[in-house]
């Protein structure tokens, strides 16, 4: 079993060993850039954008990630649309691809994980891993402390409540909460009328 063969399995969902020299060397190069990003100061906005362009597979205009960012591959397998915002302590287990649609907001301490390990103890003892991609749609809101597990998809416009654990696909245009995360209700006319409990949306904003 060659190292190149193991590296090929990062994106196939097959079991593989992630500790080969070639994998580790490339991963460490990515982590060096992440270290540089996390060492930037708030006044260095231009440098942050330049580093994100180097770090991520794709990152659109107007994206902002509040340091510190923690990612297994420093964002190397992460694809952001335009205007994505991520608050402090975003953790991306990006051993394979993570896709986040434009204008999605990600709260603090969110974990998006693509990497998993087999349940069978003997395989875990040998260090085997598998990776499944995660897809998040456009204009979503992922609440603080939410965890998205390997292979899940979240549809466009959906809100994932704070602290939720997403173990299966969540459709578009809903509010979903809990552990495991389940659909609570659709996004509906009440959300056009009220933005928080009984606080009304101003008239000039209702038809957006």
C-alpha atoms as a PDB file:
ATOM      1  CA  UNK A   1       0.000   0.000   0.000  1.00  0.00           C
ATOM      2  CA  UNK A   2       1.744   3.192  -1.156  1.00  0.00           C
ATOM      3  CA  UNK A   3       1.571   6.653   0.379  1.00  0.00           C
ATOM      4  CA  UNK A   4       0.151   8.067  -2.857  1.00  0.00           C
ATOM      5  CA  UNK A   5      -2.639   5.501  -2.692  1.00  0.00           C
ATOM      6  CA  UNK A   6      -3.440   6.560   0.879  1.00  0.00           C
ATOM      7  CA  UNK A   7      -3.522  10.243  -0.081  1.00  0.00           C
ATOM      8  CA  UNK A   8      -5.952   9.469  -2.907  1.00  0.00           C
ATOM      9  CA  UNK A   9      -8.423   8.154  -0.316  1.00  0.00           C
ATOM     10  CA  UNK A  10      -8.841  11.528   1.437  1.00  0.00           C
ATOM     11  CA  UNK A  11     -11.775  12.337  -0.849  1.00  0.00           C
ATOM     12  CA  UNK A  12     -13.272   8.906  -1.623  1.00  0.00           C
ATOM     13  CA  UNK A  13     -14.834   7.965   1.714  1.00  0.00           C
ATOM     14  CA  UNK A  14     -12.586   4.890   1.957  1.00  0.00           C
ATOM     15  CA  UNK A  15     -10.660   3.928   5.069  1.00  0.00           C
ATOM     16  CA  UNK A  16      -7.078   5.197   4.963  1.00  0.00           C
ATOM     17  CA  UNK A  17      -4.084   5.906   7.187  1.00  0.00           C
ATOM     18  CA  UNK A  18      -3.518   9.682   7.565  1.00  0.00           C
ATOM     19  CA  UNK A  19       0.005   9.556   8.993  1.00  0.00           C
ATOM     20  CA  UNK A  20       2.188   9.014   5.918  1.00  0.00           C
ATOM     21  CA  UNK A  21       5.080  11.401   5.316  1.00  0.00           C
ATOM     22  CA  UNK A  22       3.598  12.891   2.124  1.00  0.00           C
ATOM     23  CA  UNK A  23       0.250  13.622   3.779  1.00  0.00           C
ATOM     24  CA  UNK A  24       1.857  15.037   6.907  1.00  0.00           C
ATOM     25  CA  UNK A  25       4.263  17.271   4.989  1.00  0.00           C
ATOM     26  CA  UNK A  26       1.505  18.822   2.902  1.00  0.00           C
ATOM     27  CA  UNK A  27      -0.737  19.201   5.929  1.00  0.00           C
ATOM     28  CA  UNK A  28       2.022  20.936   7.899  1.00  0.00           C
ATOM     29  CA  UNK A  29       2.574  23.440   5.070  1.00  0.00           C
ATOM     30  CA  UNK A  30      -1.118  24.323   5.312  1.00  0.00           C
ATOM     31  CA  UNK A  31      -0.958  24.622   9.095  1.00  0.00           C
ATOM     32  CA  UNK A  32       1.977  27.042   8.851  1.00  0.00           C
ATOM     33  CA  UNK A  33      -0.268  29.447   6.903  1.00  0.00           C
ATOM     34  CA  UNK A  34      -3.026  29.003   9.469  1.00  0.00           C
ATOM     35  CA  UNK A  35      -0.551  29.882  12.214  1.00  0.00           C
ATOM     36  CA  UNK A  36       0.344  33.062  10.322  1.00  0.00           C
ATOM     37  CA  UNK A  37      -3.352  33.938   9.987  1.00  0.00           C
ATOM     38  CA  UNK A  38      -4.040  33.460  13.684  1.00  0.00           C
ATOM     39  CA  UNK A  39      -1.070  35.680  14.555  1.00  0.00           C
ATOM     40  CA  UNK A  40      -2.455  38.679  12.632  1.00  0.00           C
ATOM     41  CA  UNK A  41      -3.688  41.813  14.374  1.00  0.00           C
ATOM     42  CA  UNK A  42      -7.148  43.374  13.848  1.00  0.00           C
ATOM     43  CA  UNK A  43      -5.526  46.216  11.902  1.00  0.00           C
ATOM     44  CA  UNK A  44      -4.103  43.772   9.331  1.00  0.00           C
ATOM     45  CA  UNK A  45      -7.298  43.160   7.376  1.00  0.00           C
ATOM     46  CA  UNK A  46      -5.543  43.154   4.000  1.00  0.00           C
ATOM     47  CA  UNK A  47      -3.003  40.564   5.165  1.00  0.00           C
ATOM     48  CA  UNK A  48      -5.798  38.389   6.526  1.00  0.00           C
ATOM     49  CA  UNK A  49      -7.543  38.403   3.157  1.00  0.00           C
ATOM     50  CA  UNK A  50      -4.305  37.558   1.344  1.00  0.00           C
ATOM     51  CA  UNK A  51      -3.679  34.631   3.676  1.00  0.00           C
ATOM     52  CA  UNK A  52      -7.224  33.298   3.309  1.00  0.00           C
ATOM     53  CA  UNK A  53      -6.788  33.287  -0.466  1.00  0.00           C
ATOM     54  CA  UNK A  54      -3.708  31.106  -0.015  1.00  0.00           C
ATOM     55  CA  UNK A  55      -5.223  28.874   2.658  1.00  0.00           C
ATOM     56  CA  UNK A  56      -8.656  28.010   1.257  1.00  0.00           C
ATOM     57  CA  UNK A  57      -9.574  25.943  -1.778  1.00  0.00           C
ATOM     58  CA  UNK A  58     -12.048  28.727  -2.656  1.00  0.00           C
ATOM     59  CA  UNK A  59     -13.071  31.864  -0.810  1.00  0.00           C
ATOM     60  CA  UNK A  60     -15.343  34.535  -2.261  1.00  0.00           C
ATOM     61  CA  UNK A  61     -15.389  38.297  -1.903  1.00  0.00           C
ATOM     62  CA  UNK A  62     -16.323  39.779   1.442  1.00  0.00           C
ATOM     63  CA  UNK A  63     -15.670  36.736   3.616  1.00  0.00           C
ATOM     64  CA  UNK A  64     -14.494  37.309   7.177  1.00  0.00           C
ATOM     65  CA  UNK A  65     -13.210  34.729   9.660  1.00  0.00           C
ATOM     66  CA  UNK A  66     -12.484  35.932  13.176  1.00  0.00           C
ATOM     67  CA  UNK A  67      -9.241  34.432  14.485  1.00  0.00           C
ATOM     68  CA  UNK A  68      -8.483  32.004  15.938  1.00  0.00           C
ATOM     69  CA  UNK A  69      -9.389  29.563  13.191  1.00  0.00           C
ATOM     70  CA  UNK A  70      -8.652  25.876  13.761  1.00  0.00           C
ATOM     71  CA  UNK A  71      -8.580  23.565  10.748  1.00  0.00           C
ATOM     72  CA  UNK A  72      -6.886  20.208  10.198  1.00  0.00           C
ATOM     73  CA  UNK A  73      -5.672  21.351   6.790  1.00  0.00           C
ATOM     74  CA  UNK A  74      -5.824  25.117   7.385  1.00  0.00           C
ATOM     75  CA  UNK A  75      -8.818  25.457   5.065  1.00  0.00           C
ATOM     76  CA  UNK A  76      -7.080  23.662   2.181  1.00  0.00           C
ATOM     77  CA  UNK A  77     -10.228  21.665   1.370  1.00  0.00           C
ATOM     78  CA  UNK A  78     -12.759  24.399   2.264  1.00  0.00           C
ATOM     79  CA  UNK A  79     -14.936  26.243  -0.265  1.00  0.00           C
ATOM     80  CA  UNK A  80     -16.666  29.480   0.858  1.00  0.00           C
ATOM     81  CA  UNK A  81     -19.006  31.514  -1.306  1.00  0.00           C
ATOM     82  CA  UNK A  82     -19.241  35.299  -1.002  1.00  0.00           C
ATOM     83  CA  UNK A  83     -19.916  37.213   2.189  1.00  0.00           C
ATOM     84  CA  UNK A  84     -19.494  34.287   4.600  1.00  0.00           C
ATOM     85  CA  UNK A  85     -18.950  35.381   8.214  1.00  0.00           C
ATOM     86  CA  UNK A  86     -17.463  33.113  10.902  1.00  0.00           C
ATOM     87  CA  UNK A  87     -17.069  34.166  14.525  1.00  0.00           C
ATOM     88  CA  UNK A  88     -14.333  33.154  16.993  1.00  0.00           C
ATOM     89  CA  UNK A  89     -13.024  29.583  17.259  1.00  0.00           C
ATOM     90  CA  UNK A  90     -14.402  28.064  14.080  1.00  0.00           C
ATOM     91  CA  UNK A  91     -13.099  24.480  13.907  1.00  0.00           C
ATOM     92  CA  UNK A  92     -12.979  22.814  10.494  1.00  0.00           C
ATOM     93  CA  UNK A  93     -12.014  19.156  10.377  1.00  0.00           C
ATOM     94  CA  UNK A  94     -11.287  19.629   6.688  1.00  0.00           C
ATOM     95  CA  UNK A  95      -9.666  16.328   5.779  1.00  0.00           C
ATOM     96  CA  UNK A  96     -12.018  16.378   2.793  1.00  0.00           C
ATOM     97  CA  UNK A  97     -14.192  19.080   1.257  1.00  0.00           C
ATOM     98  CA  UNK A  98     -16.434  21.487   3.166  1.00  0.00           C
ATOM     99  CA  UNK A  99     -18.761  23.710   1.102  1.00  0.00           C
ATOM    100  CA  UNK A 100     -20.399  26.822   2.582  1.00  0.00           C
ATOM    101  CA  UNK A 101     -22.772  28.919   0.465  1.00  0.00           C
ATOM    102  CA  UNK A 102     -22.724  32.694   0.103  1.00  0.00           C
ATOM    103  CA  UNK A 103     -23.939  34.942   2.948  1.00  0.00           C
ATOM    104  CA  UNK A 104     -23.985  32.162   5.523  1.00  0.00           C
ATOM    105  CA  UNK A 105     -23.241  33.211   9.110  1.00  0.00           C
ATOM    106  CA  UNK A 106     -21.390  30.922  11.521  1.00  0.00           C
ATOM    107  CA  UNK A 107     -21.497  31.596  15.259  1.00  0.00           C
ATOM    108  CA  UNK A 108     -18.628  31.196  17.732  1.00  0.00           C
ATOM    109  CA  UNK A 109     -17.276  27.758  18.652  1.00  0.00           C
ATOM    110  CA  UNK A 110     -18.867  25.939  15.723  1.00  0.00           C
ATOM    111  CA  UNK A 111     -17.361  22.607  14.623  1.00  0.00           C
ATOM    112  CA  UNK A 112     -17.738  21.322  11.057  1.00  0.00           C
ATOM    113  CA  UNK A 113     -16.213  17.854  10.800  1.00  0.00           C
ATOM    114  CA  UNK A 114     -15.585  15.668   7.756  1.00  0.00           C
ATOM    115  CA  UNK A 115     -13.280  13.119   9.378  1.00  0.00           C
ATOM    116  CA  UNK A 116     -14.453  10.021  11.208  1.00  0.00           C
ATOM    117  CA  UNK A 117     -13.065   6.787  12.587  1.00  0.00           C
ATOM    118  CA  UNK A 118     -14.443   3.239  12.407  1.00  0.00           C
ATOM    119  CA  UNK A 119     -16.364   1.914  15.407  1.00  0.00           C
ATOM    120  CA  UNK A 120     -14.405  -1.357  15.336  1.00  0.00           C
ATOM    121  CA  UNK A 121     -11.693  -0.928  18.032  1.00  0.00           C
ATOM    122  CA  UNK A 122      -9.008  -2.878  16.151  1.00  0.00           C
ATOM    123  CA  UNK A 123      -9.219  -0.518  13.163  1.00  0.00           C
ATOM    124  CA  UNK A 124      -9.129   2.585  15.370  1.00  0.00           C
ATOM    125  CA  UNK A 125      -6.077   1.197  17.162  1.00  0.00           C
ATOM    126  CA  UNK A 126      -4.289   1.057  13.817  1.00  0.00           C
ATOM    127  CA  UNK A 127      -5.239   4.687  13.133  1.00  0.00           C
ATOM    128  CA  UNK A 128      -7.697   4.257  10.279  1.00  0.00           C
ATOM    129  CA  UNK A 129      -9.875   7.205   9.250  1.00  0.00           C
ATOM    130  CA  UNK A 130     -12.506   8.034   6.639  1.00  0.00           C
ATOM    131  CA  UNK A 131     -13.778  11.387   5.377  1.00  0.00           C
ATOM    132  CA  UNK A 132     -17.199  12.506   4.143  1.00  0.00           C
ATOM    133  CA  UNK A 133     -17.874  16.014   2.725  1.00  0.00           C
ATOM    134  CA  UNK A 134     -20.173  18.536   4.396  1.00  0.00           C
ATOM    135  CA  UNK A 135     -22.419  20.935   2.439  1.00  0.00           C
ATOM    136  CA  UNK A 136     -24.011  24.075   3.918  1.00  0.00           C
ATOM    137  CA  UNK A 137     -26.315  26.102   1.689  1.00  0.00           C
ATOM    138  CA  UNK A 138     -26.592  29.814   1.031  1.00  0.00           C
ATOM    139  CA  UNK A 139     -27.810  32.343   3.603  1.00  0.00           C
ATOM    140  CA  UNK A 140     -27.804  29.882   6.500  1.00  0.00           C
ATOM    141  CA  UNK A 141     -27.218  30.743  10.157  1.00  0.00           C
ATOM    142  CA  UNK A 142     -25.266  28.160  12.130  1.00  0.00           C
ATOM    143  CA  UNK A 143     -25.730  29.004  15.816  1.00  0.00           C
ATOM    144  CA  UNK A 144     -23.018  29.161  18.460  1.00  0.00           C
ATOM    145  CA  UNK A 145     -21.537  25.857  19.515  1.00  0.00           C
ATOM    146  CA  UNK A 146     -23.266  23.788  16.828  1.00  0.00           C
ATOM    147  CA  UNK A 147     -21.543  20.628  15.603  1.00  0.00           C
ATOM    148  CA  UNK A 148     -21.982  19.330  12.033  1.00  0.00           C
ATOM    149  CA  UNK A 149     -20.879  15.734  11.561  1.00  0.00           C
ATOM    150  CA  UNK A 150     -19.348  14.055   8.478  1.00  0.00           C
ATOM    151  CA  UNK A 151     -21.506  13.763   5.374  1.00  0.00           C
ATOM    152  CA  UNK A 152     -24.371  16.096   6.346  1.00  0.00           C
ATOM    153  CA  UNK A 153     -26.062  18.679   4.128  1.00  0.00           C
ATOM    154  CA  UNK A 154     -27.884  21.794   5.373  1.00  0.00           C
ATOM    155  CA  UNK A 155     -30.254  23.417   2.879  1.00  0.00           C
ATOM    156  CA  UNK A 156     -30.414  27.087   1.853  1.00  0.00           C
ATOM    157  CA  UNK A 157     -31.733  29.710   4.330  1.00  0.00           C
ATOM    158  CA  UNK A 158     -31.891  27.245   7.224  1.00  0.00           C
ATOM    159  CA  UNK A 159     -31.133  28.177  10.849  1.00  0.00           C
ATOM    160  CA  UNK A 160     -29.319  25.627  13.022  1.00  0.00           C
ATOM    161  CA  UNK A 161     -29.916  26.429  16.687  1.00  0.00           C
ATOM    162  CA  UNK A 162     -27.088  27.030  19.135  1.00  0.00           C
ATOM    163  CA  UNK A 163     -25.581  23.874  20.572  1.00  0.00           C
ATOM    164  CA  UNK A 164     -27.233  21.566  18.043  1.00  0.00           C
ATOM    165  CA  UNK A 165     -25.557  18.387  16.819  1.00  0.00           C
ATOM    166  CA  UNK A 166     -26.337  17.801  13.143  1.00  0.00           C
ATOM    167  CA  UNK A 167     -26.153  14.061  12.478  1.00  0.00           C
ATOM    168  CA  UNK A 168     -28.300  13.914   9.320  1.00  0.00           C
ATOM    169  CA  UNK A 169     -29.365  16.157   6.440  1.00  0.00           C
ATOM    170  CA  UNK A 170     -31.498  19.218   7.253  1.00  0.00           C
ATOM    171  CA  UNK A 171     -33.732  20.667   4.497  1.00  0.00           C
ATOM    172  CA  UNK A 172     -33.888  24.257   3.251  1.00  0.00           C
ATOM    173  CA  UNK A 173     -35.991  27.046   4.811  1.00  0.00           C
ATOM    174  CA  UNK A 174     -36.407  25.618   8.310  1.00  0.00           C
ATOM    175  CA  UNK A 175     -35.337  26.205  11.901  1.00  0.00           C
ATOM    176  CA  UNK A 176     -33.708  23.048  13.291  1.00  0.00           C
ATOM    177  CA  UNK A 177     -32.438  22.487  16.833  1.00  0.00           C
ATOM    178  CA  UNK A 178     -31.352  19.853  19.311  1.00  0.00           C
ATOM    179  CA  UNK A 179     -29.144  16.828  19.812  1.00  0.00           C
ATOM    180  CA  UNK A 180     -29.656  15.142  17.459  1.00  0.00           C
ATOM    181  CA  UNK A 181     -30.724  18.167  15.425  1.00  0.00           C
ATOM    182  CA  UNK A 182     -34.319  17.982  14.145  1.00  0.00           C
ATOM    183  CA  UNK A 183     -36.582  20.346  12.218  1.00  0.00           C
ATOM    184  CA  UNK A 184     -38.599  22.447  14.660  1.00  0.00           C
ATOM    185  CA  UNK A 185     -40.608  24.498  12.165  1.00  0.00           C
ATOM    186  CA  UNK A 186     -40.491  26.127   8.730  1.00  0.00           C
ATOM    187  CA  UNK A 187     -39.404  29.715   8.250  1.00  0.00           C
ATOM    188  CA  UNK A 188     -42.759  31.447   7.740  1.00  0.00           C
ATOM    189  CA  UNK A 189     -44.747  34.696   7.829  1.00  0.00           C
ATOM    190  CA  UNK A 190     -44.191  35.137  11.563  1.00  0.00           C
ATOM    191  CA  UNK A 191     -40.482  35.518  10.854  1.00  0.00           C
ATOM    192  CA  UNK A 192     -41.357  38.319   8.462  1.00  0.00           C
ATOM    193  CA  UNK A 193     -43.318  40.041  11.259  1.00  0.00           C
ATOM    194  CA  UNK A 194     -41.050  39.391  14.292  1.00  0.00           C
ATOM    195  CA  UNK A 195     -37.270  39.119  14.473  1.00  0.00           C
ATOM    196  CA  UNK A 196     -37.012  38.133  18.177  1.00  0.00           C
ATOM    197  CA  UNK A 197     -39.925  37.019  20.334  1.00  0.00           C
ATOM    198  CA  UNK A 198     -42.414  39.912  20.252  1.00  0.00           C
ATOM    199  CA  UNK A 199     -40.023  42.439  18.720  1.00  0.00           C
ATOM    200  CA  UNK A 200     -41.517  43.517  15.403  1.00  0.00           C
ATOM    201  CA  UNK A 201     -39.555  43.841  12.184  1.00  0.00           C
ATOM    202  CA  UNK A 202     -39.709  47.523  11.108  1.00  0.00           C
ATOM    203  CA  UNK A 203     -42.184  48.103   8.311  1.00  0.00           C
ATOM    204  CA  UNK A 204     -39.490  49.242   5.889  1.00  0.00           C
ATOM    205  CA  UNK A 205     -37.678  45.876   6.296  1.00  0.00           C
ATOM    206  CA  UNK A 206     -40.615  43.477   6.008  1.00  0.00           C
ATOM    207  CA  UNK A 207     -40.560  43.125   2.233  1.00  0.00           C
ATOM    208  CA  UNK A 208     -36.866  42.317   1.854  1.00  0.00           C
END
